[in-house]
Amino acid sequence: KDVSIFAAIGGTERLGDIVINTSGATLFNAAVTAKSISTDQPGTAALNGNIDVNGAGGVQIRELTIGINDHIAINSTLGPVSLSSSGGAINSQTGETNDLIITAGANQDVTLNAALGGTQALRDVKVYTAGLTALNASITATSLFTDTPGTASLGNSSSPMVIALSGPAGAQINELLGVTLNGPVTINTTNAPLTFAGPLDSKAGTSYNFTANAGTGATTFNGPV
């Protein structure tokens, strides 16, 4: 069965833990303010409002397919953020190109397990955390930004990762503590810059290919490769 929540949650007084278990569709049609959010898989999810949580459970939206139906900001003060599962898809709503901006405090990790924008591209994808930013599958968007400090990982060992960016901002991967390739990675920008602020390495014991195609955009490595 489907679970549809059309009203803002916790707008006046923050809710505690929100847990939704269904193999149908889970729709958050407005903003959510709570201690944590957890949804299970299989099934689908759609986000049409911002999410703000302040508990250690963070945001765990596990559905294989997640729709970003508006410009979405996810803020987790004390817990990790994890979206979708391996083999899944995170897309803008059909006919739209929406932002996905994620902030995780307290050195918490942000994990995006599914391909982003494979069917319907996202606009700006931005991740702010001093922990690990794990981008585990291909990304199609206007731009990609991650902040400093912290670490990042790109790709997986099962299939090559392609990051395709169409906007003038290109890719700014600003982790000073390093980026790890967990599989072969190609980054394509449309005559836009590609910047790595820190070291770039393959996962220990491996030697994965890295390809950058930036056209007339500058490609900058500020750390060892």
N, C-alpha and C. Protein backbone atom coordinates (compact mmCIF):
# COMPACT_ATOMS: atom_id res chain seq x y z
N LYS A 1 0.83 -1.19 0.00
CA LYS A 1 0.00 0.00 0.00
C LYS A 1 0.87 1.25 0.00
N ASP A 2 0.31 2.33 -0.53
CA ASP A 2 1.02 3.60 -0.58
C ASP A 2 0.83 4.38 0.72
N VAL A 3 1.84 5.19 1.03
CA VAL A 3 1.77 6.11 2.16
C VAL A 3 2.00 7.52 1.62
N SER A 4 0.99 8.38 1.75
CA SER A 4 1.08 9.75 1.23
C SER A 4 0.85 10.73 2.36
N ILE A 5 1.80 11.63 2.55
CA ILE A 5 1.70 12.65 3.58
C ILE A 5 1.70 13.99 2.87
N PHE A 6 0.55 14.67 2.89
CA PHE A 6 0.39 15.88 2.09
C PHE A 6 0.66 17.16 2.87
N ALA A 7 0.65 17.09 4.21
CA ALA A 7 0.83 18.29 5.02
C ALA A 7 2.25 18.35 5.56
N ALA A 8 2.66 19.56 5.93
CA ALA A 8 3.96 19.73 6.59
C ALA A 8 3.97 18.97 7.91
N ILE A 9 5.09 18.32 8.19
CA ILE A 9 5.25 17.53 9.41
C ILE A 9 6.17 18.28 10.36
N GLY A 10 5.71 18.50 11.58
CA GLY A 10 6.56 19.10 12.59
C GLY A 10 6.83 20.58 12.40
N GLY A 11 6.01 21.25 11.62
CA GLY A 11 6.26 22.66 11.36
C GLY A 11 6.12 23.53 12.59
N THR A 12 5.22 23.16 13.50
CA THR A 12 5.04 23.93 14.74
C THR A 12 5.85 23.33 15.88
N GLU A 13 5.83 22.01 15.99
CA GLU A 13 6.58 21.31 17.03
C GLU A 13 7.20 20.06 16.40
N ARG A 14 8.50 19.97 16.44
CA ARG A 14 9.23 18.88 15.80
C ARG A 14 8.73 17.51 16.27
N LEU A 15 8.56 16.57 15.31
CA LEU A 15 8.22 15.20 15.66
C LEU A 15 9.48 14.43 16.08
N GLY A 16 9.25 13.25 16.63
CA GLY A 16 10.35 12.35 16.97
C GLY A 16 10.78 11.56 15.75
N ASP A 17 10.95 10.26 15.92
CA ASP A 17 11.38 9.40 14.81
C ASP A 17 10.20 9.08 13.91
N ILE A 18 10.38 9.25 12.60
CA ILE A 18 9.37 8.89 11.61
C ILE A 18 9.86 7.63 10.91
N VAL A 19 9.07 6.56 10.98
CA VAL A 19 9.43 5.28 10.37
C VAL A 19 8.28 4.84 9.47
N ILE A 20 8.58 4.61 8.20
CA ILE A 20 7.56 4.17 7.24
C ILE A 20 8.04 2.88 6.58
N ASN A 21 7.24 1.85 6.70
CA ASN A 21 7.55 0.55 6.10
C ASN A 21 6.44 0.17 5.12
N THR A 22 6.75 0.17 3.84
CA THR A 22 5.79 -0.22 2.83
C THR A 22 6.54 -0.60 1.56
N SER A 23 5.98 -1.53 0.80
CA SER A 23 6.56 -1.86 -0.51
C SER A 23 5.90 -1.04 -1.61
N GLY A 24 4.99 -0.15 -1.24
CA GLY A 24 4.37 0.74 -2.20
C GLY A 24 5.13 2.05 -2.30
N ALA A 25 4.40 3.12 -2.62
CA ALA A 25 5.00 4.45 -2.78
C ALA A 25 4.92 5.21 -1.46
N THR A 26 5.99 5.90 -1.12
CA THR A 26 6.04 6.80 0.03
C THR A 26 6.20 8.22 -0.49
N LEU A 27 5.21 9.07 -0.21
CA LEU A 27 5.23 10.45 -0.70
C LEU A 27 5.30 11.41 0.46
N PHE A 28 6.36 12.23 0.48
CA PHE A 28 6.44 13.37 1.40
C PHE A 28 6.17 14.61 0.55
N ASN A 29 4.96 15.15 0.67
CA ASN A 29 4.54 16.21 -0.24
C ASN A 29 4.77 17.61 0.33
N ALA A 30 5.38 17.68 1.52
CA ALA A 30 5.67 18.97 2.14
C ALA A 30 6.88 18.81 3.05
N ALA A 31 7.27 19.88 3.69
CA ALA A 31 8.47 19.87 4.52
C ALA A 31 8.30 18.95 5.73
N VAL A 32 9.43 18.37 6.17
CA VAL A 32 9.44 17.46 7.32
C VAL A 32 10.46 17.98 8.33
N THR A 33 10.02 18.14 9.58
CA THR A 33 10.89 18.51 10.68
C THR A 33 10.71 17.48 11.78
N ALA A 34 11.75 16.70 12.05
CA ALA A 34 11.61 15.58 12.97
C ALA A 34 12.96 15.26 13.60
N LYS A 35 12.97 14.21 14.42
CA LYS A 35 14.22 13.72 15.00
C LYS A 35 14.98 12.88 13.98
N SER A 36 14.28 11.99 13.28
CA SER A 36 14.91 11.18 12.24
C SER A 36 13.83 10.67 11.29
N ILE A 37 14.27 10.20 10.11
CA ILE A 37 13.38 9.60 9.12
C ILE A 37 14.00 8.29 8.66
N SER A 38 13.19 7.25 8.63
CA SER A 38 13.63 5.96 8.12
C SER A 38 12.52 5.36 7.28
N THR A 39 12.85 4.97 6.04
CA THR A 39 11.92 4.23 5.19
C THR A 39 12.61 2.97 4.70
N ASP A 40 11.79 1.95 4.39
CA ASP A 40 12.37 0.67 4.00
C ASP A 40 12.33 0.49 2.49
N GLN A 41 12.80 -0.65 2.02
CA GLN A 41 12.68 -1.03 0.63
C GLN A 41 12.05 -2.41 0.58
N PRO A 42 11.44 -2.81 -0.55
CA PRO A 42 11.39 -2.11 -1.84
C PRO A 42 10.37 -0.98 -1.82
N GLY A 43 9.96 -0.55 -3.01
CA GLY A 43 9.01 0.55 -3.12
C GLY A 43 9.67 1.76 -3.75
N THR A 44 8.93 2.86 -3.75
CA THR A 44 9.42 4.12 -4.29
C THR A 44 9.18 5.22 -3.27
N ALA A 45 9.91 6.31 -3.43
CA ALA A 45 9.71 7.48 -2.58
C ALA A 45 9.75 8.73 -3.43
N ALA A 46 9.06 9.77 -2.99
CA ALA A 46 9.10 11.07 -3.66
C ALA A 46 9.20 12.15 -2.60
N LEU A 47 10.08 13.12 -2.85
CA LEU A 47 10.29 14.23 -1.92
C LEU A 47 9.84 15.51 -2.59
N ASN A 48 8.93 16.22 -1.91
CA ASN A 48 8.40 17.46 -2.46
C ASN A 48 8.52 18.60 -1.46
N GLY A 49 9.37 18.39 -0.44
CA GLY A 49 9.60 19.41 0.56
C GLY A 49 10.92 19.15 1.26
N ASN A 50 11.46 20.17 1.91
CA ASN A 50 12.74 20.04 2.60
C ASN A 50 12.62 19.15 3.83
N ILE A 51 13.77 18.61 4.24
CA ILE A 51 13.82 17.72 5.40
C ILE A 51 14.83 18.27 6.39
N ASP A 52 14.43 18.37 7.66
CA ASP A 52 15.33 18.81 8.72
C ASP A 52 15.19 17.86 9.90
N VAL A 53 16.29 17.17 10.25
CA VAL A 53 16.26 16.24 11.39
C VAL A 53 17.42 16.57 12.32
N ASN A 54 17.24 16.24 13.60
CA ASN A 54 18.27 16.60 14.59
C ASN A 54 18.68 15.44 15.47
N GLY A 55 18.32 14.21 15.11
CA GLY A 55 18.67 13.05 15.92
C GLY A 55 19.77 12.22 15.30
N ALA A 56 20.32 11.29 16.10
CA ALA A 56 21.43 10.46 15.66
C ALA A 56 21.05 9.51 14.54
N GLY A 57 19.76 9.24 14.38
CA GLY A 57 19.32 8.34 13.30
C GLY A 57 19.42 8.97 11.93
N GLY A 58 19.42 10.29 11.86
CA GLY A 58 19.57 10.98 10.59
C GLY A 58 18.45 10.71 9.60
N VAL A 59 18.82 10.59 8.34
CA VAL A 59 17.87 10.34 7.25
C VAL A 59 18.29 9.07 6.53
N GLN A 60 17.42 8.08 6.54
CA GLN A 60 17.68 6.80 5.86
C GLN A 60 16.47 6.51 4.96
N ILE A 61 16.58 6.92 3.70
CA ILE A 61 15.51 6.67 2.73
C ILE A 61 16.01 5.59 1.78
N ARG A 62 15.51 4.38 1.94
CA ARG A 62 16.13 3.20 1.34
C ARG A 62 15.49 2.74 0.03
N GLU A 63 14.39 3.36 -0.37
CA GLU A 63 13.72 2.92 -1.60
C GLU A 63 14.67 2.96 -2.79
N LEU A 64 14.53 1.99 -3.68
CA LEU A 64 15.40 1.95 -4.86
C LEU A 64 15.18 3.16 -5.76
N THR A 65 13.94 3.63 -5.86
CA THR A 65 13.62 4.76 -6.73
C THR A 65 13.15 5.93 -5.89
N ILE A 66 13.83 7.08 -6.03
CA ILE A 66 13.47 8.27 -5.28
C ILE A 66 13.29 9.42 -6.27
N GLY A 67 12.14 10.08 -6.20
CA GLY A 67 11.86 11.23 -7.04
C GLY A 67 12.15 12.53 -6.29
N ILE A 68 12.94 13.39 -6.90
CA ILE A 68 13.20 14.73 -6.34
C ILE A 68 12.24 15.67 -7.06
N ASN A 69 11.10 15.93 -6.43
CA ASN A 69 9.99 16.60 -7.10
C ASN A 69 9.99 18.12 -6.96
N ASP A 70 11.02 18.65 -6.31
CA ASP A 70 11.18 20.09 -6.16
C ASP A 70 12.65 20.31 -5.80
N HIS A 71 13.06 21.56 -5.66
CA HIS A 71 14.40 21.83 -5.14
C HIS A 71 14.42 21.40 -3.68
N ILE A 72 15.24 20.40 -3.35
CA ILE A 72 15.18 19.77 -2.04
C ILE A 72 16.47 20.02 -1.27
N ALA A 73 16.30 20.45 0.00
CA ALA A 73 17.41 20.57 0.94
C ALA A 73 17.18 19.58 2.09
N ILE A 74 18.18 18.75 2.36
CA ILE A 74 18.12 17.80 3.47
C ILE A 74 19.19 18.21 4.48
N ASN A 75 18.76 18.46 5.71
CA ASN A 75 19.67 18.88 6.76
C ASN A 75 19.58 17.90 7.93
N SER A 76 20.71 17.30 8.28
CA SER A 76 20.77 16.39 9.42
C SER A 76 21.85 16.90 10.37
N THR A 77 21.44 17.32 11.56
CA THR A 77 22.36 17.97 12.48
C THR A 77 23.33 16.99 13.12
N LEU A 78 22.82 15.80 13.50
CA LEU A 78 23.63 14.87 14.29
C LEU A 78 23.78 13.49 13.68
N GLY A 79 23.07 13.19 12.60
CA GLY A 79 23.08 11.83 12.07
C GLY A 79 23.45 11.77 10.61
N PRO A 80 23.73 10.58 10.09
CA PRO A 80 24.10 10.40 8.69
C PRO A 80 22.90 10.57 7.76
N VAL A 81 23.21 10.74 6.48
CA VAL A 81 22.19 10.79 5.43
C VAL A 81 22.52 9.72 4.41
N SER A 82 21.55 8.84 4.14
CA SER A 82 21.74 7.79 3.15
C SER A 82 20.49 7.72 2.28
N LEU A 83 20.69 7.80 0.97
CA LEU A 83 19.57 7.79 0.03
C LEU A 83 19.69 6.60 -0.91
N SER A 84 18.60 5.85 -1.03
CA SER A 84 18.42 4.75 -1.96
C SER A 84 19.35 3.59 -1.65
N SER A 85 19.43 2.64 -2.59
CA SER A 85 20.23 1.44 -2.43
C SER A 85 20.95 1.15 -3.73
N SER A 86 21.94 0.30 -3.65
CA SER A 86 22.71 -0.04 -4.84
C SER A 86 21.80 -0.54 -5.95
N GLY A 87 22.00 -0.01 -7.16
CA GLY A 87 21.16 -0.38 -8.29
C GLY A 87 19.93 0.47 -8.44
N GLY A 88 19.73 1.44 -7.57
CA GLY A 88 18.54 2.28 -7.60
C GLY A 88 18.72 3.51 -8.46
N ALA A 89 17.75 4.43 -8.37
CA ALA A 89 17.75 5.64 -9.19
C ALA A 89 17.16 6.80 -8.40
N ILE A 90 17.80 7.96 -8.51
CA ILE A 90 17.31 9.19 -7.92
C ILE A 90 17.21 10.20 -9.05
N ASN A 91 15.98 10.65 -9.34
CA ASN A 91 15.75 11.51 -10.50
C ASN A 91 14.91 12.72 -10.13
N SER A 92 15.08 13.79 -10.91
CA SER A 92 14.11 14.89 -10.84
C SER A 92 12.76 14.41 -11.35
N GLN A 93 11.72 15.12 -10.94
CA GLN A 93 10.40 14.85 -11.48
C GLN A 93 10.42 15.07 -12.99
N THR A 94 9.64 14.30 -13.70
CA THR A 94 9.60 14.40 -15.16
C THR A 94 9.34 15.84 -15.60
N GLY A 95 10.17 16.33 -16.53
CA GLY A 95 10.02 17.68 -17.04
C GLY A 95 10.68 18.75 -16.20
N GLU A 96 11.34 18.36 -15.10
CA GLU A 96 11.98 19.32 -14.21
C GLU A 96 13.47 19.00 -14.06
N THR A 97 14.22 19.97 -13.55
CA THR A 97 15.63 19.79 -13.23
C THR A 97 15.84 20.41 -11.86
N ASN A 98 15.85 19.58 -10.82
CA ASN A 98 15.78 20.08 -9.45
C ASN A 98 17.09 19.92 -8.69
N ASP A 99 17.31 20.83 -7.75
CA ASP A 99 18.48 20.79 -6.89
C ASP A 99 18.33 19.70 -5.83
N LEU A 100 19.48 19.15 -5.43
CA LEU A 100 19.55 18.28 -4.25
C LEU A 100 20.72 18.76 -3.42
N ILE A 101 20.42 19.34 -2.26
CA ILE A 101 21.44 19.92 -1.39
C ILE A 101 21.36 19.22 -0.04
N ILE A 102 22.46 18.61 0.38
CA ILE A 102 22.49 17.80 1.60
C ILE A 102 23.54 18.35 2.55
N THR A 103 23.14 18.54 3.81
CA THR A 103 24.06 19.00 4.84
C THR A 103 23.99 18.03 6.02
N ALA A 104 25.15 17.52 6.43
CA ALA A 104 25.22 16.63 7.58
C ALA A 104 26.24 17.18 8.55
N GLY A 105 25.81 17.45 9.78
CA GLY A 105 26.70 17.99 10.79
C GLY A 105 27.40 16.91 11.58
N ALA A 106 28.20 17.33 12.55
CA ALA A 106 28.85 16.43 13.51
C ALA A 106 29.69 15.35 12.83
N ASN A 107 30.34 15.72 11.72
CA ASN A 107 31.23 14.79 11.00
C ASN A 107 30.51 13.53 10.52
N GLN A 108 29.23 13.65 10.23
CA GLN A 108 28.45 12.51 9.78
C GLN A 108 28.62 12.27 8.27
N ASP A 109 28.39 11.02 7.85
CA ASP A 109 28.58 10.64 6.45
C ASP A 109 27.32 10.89 5.63
N VAL A 110 27.54 11.15 4.34
CA VAL A 110 26.47 11.26 3.36
C VAL A 110 26.72 10.21 2.29
N THR A 111 25.75 9.33 2.06
CA THR A 111 25.91 8.24 1.11
C THR A 111 24.79 8.28 0.10
N LEU A 112 25.16 8.42 -1.18
CA LEU A 112 24.20 8.36 -2.28
C LEU A 112 24.49 7.08 -3.05
N ASN A 113 23.65 6.07 -2.81
CA ASN A 113 23.91 4.74 -3.33
C ASN A 113 23.47 4.53 -4.77
N ALA A 114 22.54 5.36 -5.23
CA ALA A 114 21.90 5.14 -6.53
C ALA A 114 22.43 6.11 -7.57
N ALA A 115 22.19 5.78 -8.84
CA ALA A 115 22.50 6.71 -9.92
C ALA A 115 21.62 7.95 -9.79
N LEU A 116 22.23 9.12 -9.95
CA LEU A 116 21.51 10.39 -9.86
C LEU A 116 21.26 10.93 -11.27
N GLY A 117 20.00 11.24 -11.55
CA GLY A 117 19.66 11.92 -12.78
C GLY A 117 19.78 11.10 -14.05
N GLY A 118 19.80 9.80 -13.93
CA GLY A 118 19.96 8.96 -15.11
C GLY A 118 18.81 9.06 -16.09
N THR A 119 17.60 9.22 -15.57
CA THR A 119 16.41 9.35 -16.41
C THR A 119 16.01 10.80 -16.58
N GLN A 120 16.02 11.55 -15.50
CA GLN A 120 15.71 12.98 -15.51
C GLN A 120 16.77 13.70 -14.69
N ALA A 121 17.58 14.50 -15.35
CA ALA A 121 18.76 15.10 -14.71
C ALA A 121 18.40 15.95 -13.50
N LEU A 122 19.33 15.99 -12.54
CA LEU A 122 19.23 16.95 -11.46
C LEU A 122 19.91 18.25 -11.87
N ARG A 123 19.66 19.30 -11.08
CA ARG A 123 20.35 20.56 -11.36
C ARG A 123 21.62 20.57 -10.51
N ASP A 124 21.69 21.38 -9.47
CA ASP A 124 22.90 21.45 -8.65
C ASP A 124 22.84 20.39 -7.56
N VAL A 125 23.87 19.56 -7.52
CA VAL A 125 24.02 18.56 -6.45
C VAL A 125 25.13 19.05 -5.54
N LYS A 126 24.78 19.32 -4.27
CA LYS A 126 25.75 19.88 -3.32
C LYS A 126 25.70 19.07 -2.03
N VAL A 127 26.89 18.73 -1.52
CA VAL A 127 26.99 17.98 -0.27
C VAL A 127 27.94 18.72 0.67
N TYR A 128 27.43 18.99 1.88
CA TYR A 128 28.22 19.67 2.90
C TYR A 128 28.36 18.74 4.11
N THR A 129 29.56 18.27 4.37
CA THR A 129 29.82 17.47 5.56
C THR A 129 31.31 17.40 5.80
N ALA A 130 31.70 17.31 7.07
CA ALA A 130 33.10 17.08 7.41
C ALA A 130 33.41 15.60 7.51
N GLY A 131 32.41 14.76 7.27
CA GLY A 131 32.61 13.32 7.24
C GLY A 131 32.90 12.83 5.83
N LEU A 132 32.44 11.63 5.53
CA LEU A 132 32.63 11.01 4.22
C LEU A 132 31.46 11.34 3.31
N THR A 133 31.76 11.77 2.08
CA THR A 133 30.75 11.90 1.03
C THR A 133 30.96 10.73 0.08
N ALA A 134 30.05 9.76 0.08
CA ALA A 134 30.16 8.57 -0.75
C ALA A 134 29.19 8.68 -1.92
N LEU A 135 29.73 8.89 -3.10
CA LEU A 135 28.93 8.96 -4.32
C LEU A 135 29.18 7.66 -5.07
N ASN A 136 28.24 6.73 -4.98
CA ASN A 136 28.51 5.35 -5.36
C ASN A 136 28.06 4.97 -6.76
N ALA A 137 27.42 5.88 -7.48
CA ALA A 137 26.94 5.55 -8.83
C ALA A 137 26.97 6.80 -9.69
N SER A 138 26.65 6.62 -10.97
CA SER A 138 26.78 7.71 -11.94
C SER A 138 25.88 8.89 -11.60
N ILE A 139 26.28 10.08 -12.08
CA ILE A 139 25.56 11.32 -11.80
C ILE A 139 25.39 12.10 -13.10
N THR A 140 24.15 12.53 -13.36
CA THR A 140 23.86 13.44 -14.47
C THR A 140 23.18 14.67 -13.87
N ALA A 141 23.86 15.81 -13.96
CA ALA A 141 23.36 17.01 -13.29
C ALA A 141 23.95 18.24 -13.98
N THR A 142 23.54 19.41 -13.48
CA THR A 142 24.12 20.65 -13.97
C THR A 142 25.49 20.89 -13.35
N SER A 143 25.62 20.65 -12.05
CA SER A 143 26.90 20.83 -11.38
C SER A 143 26.99 19.91 -10.17
N LEU A 144 28.23 19.73 -9.70
CA LEU A 144 28.50 18.91 -8.51
C LEU A 144 29.45 19.68 -7.62
N PHE A 145 29.08 19.79 -6.34
CA PHE A 145 29.91 20.52 -5.37
C PHE A 145 29.96 19.74 -4.07
N THR A 146 31.15 19.54 -3.53
CA THR A 146 31.31 19.03 -2.17
C THR A 146 32.24 19.97 -1.42
N ASP A 147 32.03 20.08 -0.10
CA ASP A 147 32.77 21.08 0.65
C ASP A 147 34.00 20.47 1.33
N THR A 148 34.71 21.29 2.06
CA THR A 148 35.88 20.90 2.82
C THR A 148 35.62 21.17 4.29
N PRO A 149 36.19 20.45 5.22
CA PRO A 149 37.10 19.32 5.06
C PRO A 149 36.33 18.03 4.78
N GLY A 150 36.92 16.91 5.16
CA GLY A 150 36.26 15.64 4.97
C GLY A 150 36.93 14.82 3.89
N THR A 151 36.31 13.68 3.58
CA THR A 151 36.80 12.79 2.53
C THR A 151 35.65 12.47 1.60
N ALA A 152 35.98 11.93 0.42
CA ALA A 152 34.96 11.51 -0.53
C ALA A 152 35.38 10.20 -1.17
N SER A 153 34.39 9.44 -1.62
CA SER A 153 34.66 8.26 -2.43
C SER A 153 33.76 8.32 -3.65
N LEU A 154 34.29 7.86 -4.77
CA LEU A 154 33.57 7.87 -6.04
C LEU A 154 33.51 6.47 -6.62
N GLY A 155 32.30 6.07 -7.06
CA GLY A 155 32.16 4.86 -7.83
C GLY A 155 32.04 3.59 -7.02
N ASN A 156 32.05 2.47 -7.73
CA ASN A 156 31.95 1.16 -7.14
C ASN A 156 32.65 0.16 -8.05
N SER A 157 32.91 -1.02 -7.55
CA SER A 157 33.67 -2.00 -8.30
C SER A 157 32.83 -2.77 -9.31
N SER A 158 31.49 -2.57 -9.29
CA SER A 158 30.61 -3.36 -10.15
C SER A 158 30.46 -2.78 -11.55
N SER A 159 30.49 -1.45 -11.67
CA SER A 159 30.26 -0.83 -12.98
C SER A 159 30.96 0.52 -13.02
N PRO A 160 31.41 0.96 -14.20
CA PRO A 160 32.07 2.27 -14.29
C PRO A 160 31.12 3.40 -13.90
N MET A 161 31.68 4.41 -13.24
CA MET A 161 30.92 5.60 -12.86
C MET A 161 31.19 6.70 -13.87
N VAL A 162 30.11 7.34 -14.34
CA VAL A 162 30.22 8.49 -15.22
C VAL A 162 29.52 9.67 -14.57
N ILE A 163 30.24 10.76 -14.40
CA ILE A 163 29.66 12.01 -13.89
C ILE A 163 29.58 12.96 -15.07
N ALA A 164 28.37 13.30 -15.50
CA ALA A 164 28.15 14.16 -16.66
C ALA A 164 27.49 15.45 -16.20
N LEU A 165 28.18 16.57 -16.40
CA LEU A 165 27.73 17.86 -15.89
C LEU A 165 27.60 18.85 -17.04
N SER A 166 26.46 19.54 -17.09
CA SER A 166 26.15 20.38 -18.24
C SER A 166 26.30 21.88 -17.98
N GLY A 167 26.52 22.29 -16.73
CA GLY A 167 26.51 23.71 -16.40
C GLY A 167 27.88 24.33 -16.28
N PRO A 168 27.96 25.65 -16.18
CA PRO A 168 29.24 26.36 -16.15
C PRO A 168 30.04 26.17 -14.87
N ALA A 169 29.41 25.71 -13.79
CA ALA A 169 30.14 25.52 -12.53
C ALA A 169 30.96 24.24 -12.53
N GLY A 170 30.60 23.27 -13.36
CA GLY A 170 31.36 22.03 -13.45
C GLY A 170 31.35 21.24 -12.16
N ALA A 171 32.52 20.70 -11.79
CA ALA A 171 32.65 19.87 -10.59
C ALA A 171 33.69 20.48 -9.67
N GLN A 172 33.31 20.68 -8.42
CA GLN A 172 34.21 21.19 -7.39
C GLN A 172 34.21 20.18 -6.25
N ILE A 173 35.24 19.32 -6.21
CA ILE A 173 35.36 18.29 -5.19
C ILE A 173 36.40 18.79 -4.20
N ASN A 174 35.94 19.34 -3.08
CA ASN A 174 36.81 20.16 -2.24
C ASN A 174 37.34 19.46 -0.99
N GLU A 175 37.18 18.15 -0.89
CA GLU A 175 37.68 17.45 0.29
C GLU A 175 39.21 17.54 0.38
N LEU A 176 39.70 18.15 1.42
CA LEU A 176 41.15 18.28 1.59
C LEU A 176 41.78 16.98 2.07
N LEU A 177 40.99 16.11 2.70
CA LEU A 177 41.54 14.87 3.25
C LEU A 177 41.58 13.74 2.23
N GLY A 178 41.09 13.99 1.03
CA GLY A 178 41.30 13.02 -0.03
C GLY A 178 40.04 12.43 -0.62
N VAL A 179 40.17 11.99 -1.88
CA VAL A 179 39.11 11.33 -2.62
C VAL A 179 39.61 9.96 -3.04
N THR A 180 38.79 8.93 -2.82
CA THR A 180 39.14 7.56 -3.15
C THR A 180 38.27 7.05 -4.28
N LEU A 181 38.91 6.46 -5.29
CA LEU A 181 38.17 5.82 -6.37
C LEU A 181 37.90 4.37 -5.98
N ASN A 182 36.61 4.01 -5.90
CA ASN A 182 36.23 2.63 -5.60
C ASN A 182 35.90 1.84 -6.86
N GLY A 183 36.15 2.44 -8.02
CA GLY A 183 35.94 1.82 -9.32
C GLY A 183 36.39 2.81 -10.37
N PRO A 184 36.34 2.43 -11.65
CA PRO A 184 36.71 3.37 -12.70
C PRO A 184 35.74 4.54 -12.78
N VAL A 185 36.27 5.75 -12.95
CA VAL A 185 35.46 6.98 -12.92
C VAL A 185 35.82 7.85 -14.12
N THR A 186 34.77 8.37 -14.79
CA THR A 186 34.92 9.37 -15.83
C THR A 186 34.09 10.59 -15.46
N ILE A 187 34.70 11.78 -15.53
CA ILE A 187 33.97 13.02 -15.28
C ILE A 187 33.99 13.85 -16.55
N ASN A 188 32.79 14.19 -17.03
CA ASN A 188 32.63 15.02 -18.23
C ASN A 188 31.97 16.33 -17.84
N THR A 189 32.60 17.44 -18.17
CA THR A 189 31.95 18.74 -18.02
C THR A 189 31.80 19.37 -19.40
N THR A 190 30.93 20.35 -19.49
CA THR A 190 30.70 21.05 -20.76
C THR A 190 31.49 22.35 -20.75
N ASN A 191 32.78 22.22 -21.07
CA ASN A 191 33.68 23.39 -21.07
C ASN A 191 33.65 24.12 -19.73
N ALA A 192 33.62 23.35 -18.67
CA ALA A 192 33.52 23.91 -17.32
C ALA A 192 34.62 23.32 -16.45
N PRO A 193 34.98 23.99 -15.36
CA PRO A 193 36.11 23.55 -14.55
C PRO A 193 35.84 22.25 -13.80
N LEU A 194 36.93 21.54 -13.53
CA LEU A 194 36.93 20.35 -12.70
C LEU A 194 38.07 20.50 -11.72
N THR A 195 37.72 20.54 -10.42
CA THR A 195 38.72 20.80 -9.40
C THR A 195 38.68 19.76 -8.30
N PHE A 196 39.85 19.22 -7.96
CA PHE A 196 40.03 18.38 -6.78
C PHE A 196 40.94 19.14 -5.82
N ALA A 197 40.45 19.39 -4.61
CA ALA A 197 41.22 20.20 -3.67
C ALA A 197 42.28 19.40 -2.93
N GLY A 198 42.08 18.08 -2.82
CA GLY A 198 43.00 17.25 -2.05
C GLY A 198 43.51 16.07 -2.85
N PRO A 199 44.11 15.10 -2.19
CA PRO A 199 44.67 13.93 -2.87
C PRO A 199 43.59 13.10 -3.57
N LEU A 200 44.01 12.43 -4.65
CA LEU A 200 43.14 11.52 -5.39
C LEU A 200 43.84 10.18 -5.49
N ASP A 201 43.20 9.12 -4.97
CA ASP A 201 43.81 7.79 -4.95
C ASP A 201 42.80 6.73 -5.31
N SER A 202 43.30 5.60 -5.81
CA SER A 202 42.47 4.40 -5.89
C SER A 202 42.34 3.78 -4.51
N LYS A 203 41.30 2.99 -4.35
CA LYS A 203 41.14 2.21 -3.12
C LYS A 203 42.38 1.34 -2.91
N ALA A 204 42.75 1.15 -1.66
CA ALA A 204 43.95 0.39 -1.35
C ALA A 204 43.94 -0.97 -2.04
N GLY A 205 45.04 -1.30 -2.69
CA GLY A 205 45.17 -2.58 -3.36
C GLY A 205 44.60 -2.62 -4.76
N THR A 206 44.15 -1.48 -5.29
CA THR A 206 43.56 -1.44 -6.62
C THR A 206 44.23 -0.35 -7.46
N SER A 207 43.95 -0.37 -8.76
CA SER A 207 44.46 0.67 -9.67
C SER A 207 43.35 0.98 -10.67
N TYR A 208 42.44 1.86 -10.29
CA TYR A 208 41.30 2.17 -11.14
C TYR A 208 41.62 3.33 -12.08
N ASN A 209 41.02 3.27 -13.27
CA ASN A 209 41.18 4.34 -14.25
C ASN A 209 40.38 5.57 -13.85
N PHE A 210 40.96 6.75 -14.15
CA PHE A 210 40.26 8.02 -13.97
C PHE A 210 40.40 8.82 -15.25
N THR A 211 39.27 9.31 -15.79
CA THR A 211 39.27 10.08 -17.02
C THR A 211 38.53 11.38 -16.79
N ALA A 212 39.15 12.50 -17.20
CA ALA A 212 38.53 13.82 -17.09
C ALA A 212 38.42 14.43 -18.47
N ASN A 213 37.20 14.82 -18.85
CA ASN A 213 36.95 15.50 -20.12
C ASN A 213 36.26 16.82 -19.81
N ALA A 214 37.03 17.90 -19.85
CA ALA A 214 36.50 19.20 -19.46
C ALA A 214 36.42 20.19 -20.61
N GLY A 215 36.70 19.76 -21.84
CA GLY A 215 36.66 20.69 -22.96
C GLY A 215 37.62 21.84 -22.73
N THR A 216 37.12 23.06 -22.82
CA THR A 216 37.96 24.23 -22.58
C THR A 216 38.02 24.62 -21.11
N GLY A 217 37.35 23.85 -20.24
CA GLY A 217 37.40 24.13 -18.81
C GLY A 217 38.72 23.69 -18.21
N ALA A 218 39.12 24.34 -17.15
CA ALA A 218 40.38 24.01 -16.47
C ALA A 218 40.19 22.79 -15.59
N THR A 219 41.17 21.88 -15.64
CA THR A 219 41.20 20.73 -14.75
C THR A 219 42.33 20.95 -13.76
N THR A 220 41.99 20.97 -12.44
CA THR A 220 42.97 21.34 -11.42
C THR A 220 43.01 20.27 -10.34
N PHE A 221 44.25 19.78 -10.06
CA PHE A 221 44.48 18.87 -8.96
C PHE A 221 45.39 19.59 -7.97
N ASN A 222 44.86 19.91 -6.80
CA ASN A 222 45.62 20.65 -5.81
C ASN A 222 46.35 19.75 -4.80
N GLY A 223 46.18 18.44 -4.98
CA GLY A 223 46.87 17.48 -4.14
C GLY A 223 47.51 16.41 -4.99
N PRO A 224 48.24 15.50 -4.39
CA PRO A 224 48.89 14.42 -5.14
C PRO A 224 47.85 13.48 -5.76
N VAL A 225 48.22 12.91 -6.90
CA VAL A 225 47.36 11.96 -7.63
C VAL A 225 48.11 10.65 -7.77
